[in-house]
Amino acid sequence: MSTSKTLFLQDSASPLMEQLTYFHDHTLMISIIIMILVGRMLISMLLNKFTHRFLLEGQLIETVWTILPAIILVFIALPSLRLLYILDEINSPEITVKVIGHQWFWSYEYCDYKILDFDSYMIPIKELSEMDFRLLEVDNRMVVPFNTQIRVIVTSSDVIHSWAIPSLGVKMDATPGRLNQTNFNINRTGLFFGQCSEICGTNHSFMPIVIEAVSTETFIEWVNSQ
């Protein structure tokens, strides 16, 4: 979960988020190298006293500063395209959950093994327990088994929402009249928090998302108890 002291990305909880983190670090390192080189050149130009009043062209330097950025863009574009296709690929999901955005709560539907649906509202501050997180706890969590391929179908009943879980690398718009799908595979048990990431009205900040990743046995018991 992100806190006020978090400067970087949240700790990954899925293989997709790990790949996104690696790509972020890869691109950030290239950007830092470019900034250092450009800054060094600017400082050198400001501090030295060399001049060349009659310099009109420099074929070599123009060739270098045209080809070098192109090579750098290739080193960024290739991992980016690979990651893009990995994120879009959905192979044999074991569980499908339909998520419906409302003003201002989420609905969840499990239709694979048992017809199961429920609404998920934020718990008001006055009803929070001692260890609950303010503005993040909900009355009904989305429960899924870990180490399982989960497909999520996202839509909306009114306006555009966005279903986002940062630690899983998942962010999908909930658009009225349209079904968008994404997938994830959680590699550890725990609670994973998210929020609506599309401004959808006055209570936009009060429709959190909580995913509870449990073992397969616990998930089956939870389904049977509903």
Protein backbone atom coordinates (compact mmCIF):
# COMPACT_ATOMS: atom_id res chain seq x y z
CA MET A 1 0.00 0.00 0.00
CA SER A 2 1.25 3.49 -0.81
CA THR A 3 1.94 5.81 2.12
CA SER A 4 2.99 9.44 2.54
CA LYS A 5 6.67 8.38 2.65
CA THR A 6 6.54 6.37 -0.56
CA LEU A 7 8.82 7.95 -3.19
CA PHE A 8 8.90 5.13 -5.73
CA LEU A 9 6.56 2.47 -7.07
CA GLN A 10 4.78 0.14 -4.68
CA ASP A 11 6.28 -3.30 -4.06
CA SER A 12 5.15 -5.61 -6.83
CA ALA A 13 2.73 -8.43 -6.04
CA SER A 14 2.42 -9.88 -9.54
CA PRO A 15 4.78 -10.87 -12.40
CA LEU A 16 3.32 -8.09 -14.56
CA MET A 17 4.14 -5.42 -11.98
CA GLU A 18 7.68 -6.81 -11.67
CA GLN A 19 8.17 -6.34 -15.40
CA LEU A 20 6.73 -2.81 -15.20
CA THR A 21 9.16 -2.01 -12.38
CA TYR A 22 12.11 -3.34 -14.38
CA PHE A 23 11.09 -1.24 -17.38
CA HIS A 24 10.69 1.83 -15.15
CA ASP A 25 14.21 1.35 -13.75
CA HIS A 26 15.62 0.72 -17.24
CA THR A 27 14.09 3.91 -18.66
CA LEU A 28 14.98 5.95 -15.58
CA MET A 29 18.64 4.92 -15.82
CA ILE A 30 18.80 5.99 -19.48
CA SER A 31 17.17 9.33 -18.58
CA ILE A 32 19.65 9.94 -15.75
CA ILE A 33 22.62 9.23 -18.04
CA ILE A 34 21.25 11.67 -20.62
CA MET A 35 20.68 14.35 -17.99
CA ILE A 36 24.23 13.95 -16.64
CA LEU A 37 25.79 14.19 -20.11
CA VAL A 38 23.70 17.19 -21.16
CA GLY A 39 24.30 18.93 -17.83
CA ARG A 40 28.04 18.33 -18.10
CA MET A 41 28.08 19.83 -21.61
CA LEU A 42 26.05 22.88 -20.54
CA ILE A 43 28.33 23.57 -17.57
CA SER A 44 31.39 23.19 -19.77
CA MET A 45 29.97 25.61 -22.36
CA LEU A 46 29.17 28.20 -19.69
CA LEU A 47 32.52 28.02 -17.93
CA ASN A 48 35.03 27.73 -20.78
CA LYS A 49 36.20 30.67 -22.88
CA PHE A 50 36.58 28.91 -26.22
CA THR A 51 34.86 30.55 -29.17
CA HIS A 52 34.61 29.86 -32.89
CA ARG A 53 33.11 32.89 -34.59
CA PHE A 54 33.27 31.48 -38.10
CA LEU A 55 31.86 27.98 -37.42
CA LEU A 56 28.94 27.47 -39.83
CA GLU A 57 28.42 23.73 -39.82
CA GLY A 58 29.66 20.51 -38.29
CA GLN A 59 28.65 17.43 -40.23
CA LEU A 60 30.14 15.00 -37.74
CA ILE A 61 28.45 16.40 -34.65
CA GLU A 62 25.11 16.73 -36.45
CA THR A 63 25.34 13.10 -37.54
CA VAL A 64 26.16 12.01 -33.99
CA TRP A 65 23.30 13.91 -32.33
CA THR A 66 20.85 12.54 -34.89
CA ILE A 67 21.87 8.88 -34.74
CA LEU A 68 22.52 8.66 -30.99
CA PRO A 69 18.98 9.67 -29.91
CA ALA A 70 17.55 7.21 -32.45
CA ILE A 71 19.59 4.39 -30.90
CA ILE A 72 18.47 5.42 -27.40
CA LEU A 73 14.82 5.38 -28.51
CA VAL A 74 15.27 1.85 -29.87
CA PHE A 75 16.61 0.69 -26.49
CA ILE A 76 13.47 2.15 -24.86
CA ALA A 77 10.93 1.11 -27.51
CA LEU A 78 11.80 -2.59 -27.77
CA PRO A 79 11.26 -3.42 -24.06
CA SER A 80 8.18 -1.19 -24.08
CA LEU A 81 6.55 -3.06 -26.98
CA ARG A 82 7.42 -6.43 -25.45
CA LEU A 83 5.84 -5.40 -22.15
CA LEU A 84 2.77 -4.02 -23.91
CA TYR A 85 2.04 -7.36 -25.56
CA ILE A 86 2.66 -9.24 -22.30
CA LEU A 87 0.12 -7.05 -20.51
CA ASP A 88 -2.52 -7.61 -23.20
CA GLU A 89 -2.07 -11.38 -23.37
CA ILE A 90 -4.67 -13.46 -21.50
CA ASN A 91 -3.97 -17.20 -21.47
CA SER A 92 -6.55 -19.65 -20.06
CA PRO A 93 -7.86 -17.70 -17.05
CA GLU A 94 -9.02 -19.94 -14.22
CA ILE A 95 -11.38 -17.41 -12.68
CA THR A 96 -13.29 -14.54 -14.28
CA VAL A 97 -14.61 -11.67 -12.19
CA LYS A 98 -16.86 -8.97 -13.59
CA VAL A 99 -16.36 -5.55 -12.00
CA ILE A 100 -19.05 -2.88 -12.39
CA GLY A 101 -18.44 0.72 -11.39
CA HIS A 102 -21.25 2.80 -9.89
CA GLN A 103 -21.51 6.25 -8.39
CA TRP A 104 -19.88 5.59 -5.94
CA PHE A 105 -19.16 1.94 -5.21
CA TRP A 106 -18.07 -1.24 -6.99
CA SER A 107 -20.01 -4.41 -7.75
CA TYR A 108 -18.40 -7.81 -8.25
CA GLU A 109 -19.79 -10.87 -10.03
CA TYR A 110 -18.28 -14.38 -9.97
CA CYS A 111 -19.89 -16.58 -12.61
CA ASP A 112 -17.48 -19.48 -13.17
CA TYR A 113 -18.38 -21.99 -10.50
CA LYS A 114 -21.20 -20.35 -8.60
CA ILE A 115 -23.37 -17.33 -9.27
CA LEU A 116 -22.02 -14.91 -6.70
CA ASP A 117 -22.42 -11.13 -6.71
CA PHE A 118 -22.12 -8.39 -4.12
CA ASP A 119 -21.56 -4.66 -3.74
CA SER A 120 -18.46 -3.17 -2.15
CA TYR A 121 -18.83 0.13 -0.27
CA MET A 122 -16.23 2.10 1.62
CA ILE A 123 -16.59 1.75 5.39
CA PRO A 124 -17.38 5.15 6.98
CA ILE A 125 -14.74 6.57 9.30
CA LYS A 126 -17.01 6.27 12.34
CA GLU A 127 -17.38 2.51 11.78
CA LEU A 128 -13.69 1.69 11.32
CA SER A 129 -11.96 -0.74 13.65
CA GLU A 130 -8.69 0.14 15.36
CA MET A 131 -6.41 -1.43 12.70
CA ASP A 132 -8.45 -0.46 9.63
CA PHE A 133 -7.14 1.99 7.04
CA ARG A 134 -9.02 5.25 6.65
CA LEU A 135 -10.74 5.74 3.25
CA LEU A 136 -9.48 2.35 2.06
CA GLU A 137 -11.45 -0.32 3.92
CA VAL A 138 -14.58 -1.80 2.33
CA ASP A 139 -17.42 -3.91 3.68
CA ASN A 140 -17.00 -6.66 1.02
CA ARG A 141 -13.57 -7.45 -0.38
CA MET A 142 -12.84 -9.05 -3.74
CA VAL A 143 -11.44 -12.44 -2.71
CA VAL A 144 -9.25 -14.40 -5.17
CA PRO A 145 -6.73 -17.24 -4.84
CA PHE A 146 -3.05 -16.43 -5.28
CA ASN A 147 -0.90 -18.12 -7.96
CA THR A 148 -4.00 -18.24 -10.15
CA GLN A 149 -4.64 -16.51 -13.47
CA ILE A 150 -7.50 -14.07 -12.88
CA ARG A 151 -9.37 -12.32 -15.69
CA VAL A 152 -11.24 -9.16 -14.79
CA ILE A 153 -14.00 -7.77 -17.02
CA VAL A 154 -14.60 -4.11 -16.21
CA THR A 155 -17.60 -1.96 -17.11
CA SER A 156 -19.74 0.81 -15.65
CA SER A 157 -23.42 1.45 -15.09
CA ASP A 158 -23.32 5.27 -15.21
CA VAL A 159 -20.14 7.30 -15.87
CA ILE A 160 -16.51 6.43 -16.62
CA HIS A 161 -14.62 4.97 -13.67
CA SER A 162 -11.19 3.32 -13.54
CA TRP A 163 -10.41 0.13 -11.62
CA ALA A 164 -6.79 0.33 -10.49
CA ILE A 165 -4.54 -1.73 -8.20
CA PRO A 166 -1.01 -0.20 -8.30
CA SER A 167 0.82 -3.13 -6.65
CA LEU A 168 -0.57 -5.50 -9.30
CA GLY A 169 0.15 -3.22 -12.24
CA VAL A 170 -3.55 -3.13 -13.14
CA LYS A 171 -5.50 -0.09 -14.33
CA MET A 172 -8.56 -0.49 -16.54
CA ASP A 173 -11.24 2.05 -17.45
CA ALA A 174 -14.84 1.16 -16.63
CA THR A 175 -16.81 2.59 -19.56
CA PRO A 176 -20.64 2.49 -19.82
CA GLY A 177 -21.81 0.10 -22.53
CA ARG A 178 -18.35 -1.40 -23.05
CA LEU A 179 -16.58 -4.45 -21.61
CA ASN A 180 -12.84 -4.00 -21.04
CA GLN A 181 -10.74 -6.88 -19.79
CA THR A 182 -7.42 -7.30 -18.08
CA ASN A 183 -5.68 -10.02 -16.12
CA PHE A 184 -3.29 -10.56 -13.24
CA ASN A 185 -1.66 -13.33 -11.23
CA ILE A 186 -0.95 -12.53 -7.59
CA ASN A 187 2.21 -14.25 -6.34
CA ARG A 188 1.60 -13.91 -2.59
CA THR A 189 -1.24 -13.72 -0.12
CA GLY A 190 -2.29 -10.44 1.47
CA LEU A 191 -4.46 -7.37 1.06
CA PHE A 192 -3.99 -5.11 -1.95
CA PHE A 193 -5.55 -1.67 -2.06
CA GLY A 194 -6.58 0.52 -4.96
CA GLN A 195 -8.89 3.39 -5.79
CA CYS A 196 -10.90 4.72 -8.68
CA SER A 197 -8.43 6.50 -10.98
CA GLU A 198 -10.88 8.45 -13.12
CA ILE A 199 -12.67 11.52 -11.76
CA CYS A 200 -16.28 10.33 -11.69
CA GLY A 201 -18.10 12.83 -9.49
CA THR A 202 -18.26 14.27 -6.01
CA ASN A 203 -17.52 10.98 -4.22
CA HIS A 204 -14.76 9.89 -6.59
CA SER A 205 -12.30 9.60 -3.68
CA PHE A 206 -14.62 7.37 -1.67
CA MET A 207 -14.89 4.19 -3.73
CA PRO A 208 -11.78 2.18 -2.80
CA ILE A 209 -10.86 -1.30 -4.03
CA VAL A 210 -9.60 -4.08 -1.78
CA ILE A 211 -8.39 -7.44 -3.10
CA GLU A 212 -7.78 -10.23 -0.60
CA ALA A 213 -5.46 -12.92 -1.97
CA VAL A 214 -5.86 -16.24 -0.15
CA SER A 215 -5.01 -19.90 -0.67
CA THR A 216 -7.14 -22.02 -2.99
CA GLU A 217 -8.66 -23.93 -0.05
CA THR A 218 -9.60 -20.69 1.73
CA PHE A 219 -11.09 -19.32 -1.49
CA ILE A 220 -13.28 -22.42 -1.96
CA GLU A 221 -14.48 -22.15 1.64
CA TRP A 222 -15.29 -18.47 1.09
CA VAL A 223 -17.29 -19.22 -2.06
CA ASN A 224 -19.24 -22.00 -0.34
CA SER A 225 -20.03 -19.72 2.60
CA GLN A 226 -21.59 -17.00 0.44
